[in-house]
Amino acid sequence: MGKRIISLSVDKKVYEKYKEICDKNGWILSKQVENFMVKEINNHKSSSKREEG
């Protein structure tokens, strides 16, 4: 599976606070964003199935 570099624009204070949490917990910021995206994709799939049924 390949990787893609993306550019995001977020509020500076939000970014700095979240990055601090990631640093304290040894999390990789980009992996957190990727996990969020996967969760949203799965939520979308689940809600689409409910709408069809």
C-alpha atoms as a PDB file:
ATOM      1  CA  MET A   1       0.000   0.000   0.000  1.00  0.00           C
ATOM      2  CA  GLY A   2       1.445   3.359  -1.006  1.00  0.00           C
ATOM      3  CA  LYS A   3       1.525   6.549   0.989  1.00  0.00           C
ATOM      4  CA  ARG A   4       0.386   9.999  -0.067  1.00  0.00           C
ATOM      5  CA  ILE A   5       1.648  13.263   1.334  1.00  0.00           C
ATOM      6  CA  ILE A   6      -1.191  15.693   2.038  1.00  0.00           C
ATOM      7  CA  SER A   7      -1.312  19.277   3.205  1.00  0.00           C
ATOM      8  CA  LEU A   8      -3.781  20.299   5.907  1.00  0.00           C
ATOM      9  CA  SER A   9      -4.782  23.661   7.252  1.00  0.00           C
ATOM     10  CA  VAL A  10      -5.804  23.632  10.920  1.00  0.00           C
ATOM     11  CA  ASP A  11      -6.066  26.170  13.683  1.00  0.00           C
ATOM     12  CA  LYS A  12      -2.581  26.786  15.096  1.00  0.00           C
ATOM     13  CA  LYS A  13      -3.636  26.456  18.747  1.00  0.00           C
ATOM     14  CA  VAL A  14      -5.538  23.230  18.089  1.00  0.00           C
ATOM     15  CA  TYR A  15      -2.569  21.794  16.199  1.00  0.00           C
ATOM     16  CA  GLU A  16      -0.079  22.699  18.921  1.00  0.00           C
ATOM     17  CA  LYS A  17      -2.252  21.281  21.717  1.00  0.00           C
ATOM     18  CA  TYR A  18      -2.915  18.034  19.831  1.00  0.00           C
ATOM     19  CA  LYS A  19       0.726  17.668  18.817  1.00  0.00           C
ATOM     20  CA  GLU A  20       1.697  18.046  22.480  1.00  0.00           C
ATOM     21  CA  ILE A  21      -0.687  15.198  23.387  1.00  0.00           C
ATOM     22  CA  CYS A  22       0.787  13.062  20.593  1.00  0.00           C
ATOM     23  CA  ASP A  23       4.328  13.789  21.761  1.00  0.00           C
ATOM     24  CA  LYS A  24       3.498  12.904  25.385  1.00  0.00           C
ATOM     25  CA  ASN A  25       1.885   9.620  24.346  1.00  0.00           C
ATOM     26  CA  GLY A  26       4.401   8.649  21.685  1.00  0.00           C
ATOM     27  CA  TRP A  27       1.778   8.902  18.955  1.00  0.00           C
ATOM     28  CA  ILE A  28       2.577   9.775  15.364  1.00  0.00           C
ATOM     29  CA  LEU A  29       0.360  12.692  14.338  1.00  0.00           C
ATOM     30  CA  SER A  30      -0.091  11.489  10.763  1.00  0.00           C
ATOM     31  CA  LYS A  31      -1.157   8.034  12.004  1.00  0.00           C
ATOM     32  CA  GLN A  32      -3.787   9.654  14.222  1.00  0.00           C
ATOM     33  CA  VAL A  33      -5.223  11.459  11.184  1.00  0.00           C
ATOM     34  CA  GLU A  34      -5.137   8.218   9.179  1.00  0.00           C
ATOM     35  CA  ASN A  35      -6.925   6.316  11.977  1.00  0.00           C
ATOM     36  CA  PHE A  36      -9.597   9.039  12.091  1.00  0.00           C
ATOM     37  CA  MET A  37     -10.112   8.749   8.331  1.00  0.00           C
ATOM     38  CA  VAL A  38     -10.448   4.951   8.520  1.00  0.00           C
ATOM     39  CA  LYS A  39     -12.995   5.299  11.333  1.00  0.00           C
ATOM     40  CA  GLU A  40     -15.032   7.790   9.304  1.00  0.00           C
ATOM     41  CA  ILE A  41     -14.937   5.512   6.231  1.00  0.00           C
ATOM     42  CA  ASN A  42     -16.215   2.608   8.334  1.00  0.00           C
ATOM     43  CA  ASN A  43     -18.931   4.801   9.873  1.00  0.00           C
ATOM     44  CA  HIS A  44     -19.988   5.883   6.401  1.00  0.00           C
ATOM     45  CA  LYS A  45     -20.157   2.269   5.195  1.00  0.00           C
ATOM     46  CA  SER A  46     -22.259   1.313   8.217  1.00  0.00           C
ATOM     47  CA  SER A  47     -24.687   4.211   7.775  1.00  0.00           C
ATOM     48  CA  SER A  48     -24.975   3.544   4.032  1.00  0.00           C
ATOM     49  CA  LYS A  49     -25.935  -0.080   4.698  1.00  0.00           C
ATOM     50  CA  ARG A  50     -28.605   1.041   7.197  1.00  0.00           C
ATOM     51  CA  GLU A  51     -30.041   3.488   4.663  1.00  0.00           C
ATOM     52  CA  GLU A  52     -30.235   0.743   2.009  1.00  0.00           C
ATOM     53  CA  GLY A  53     -31.906  -1.781   4.343  1.00  0.00           C
END
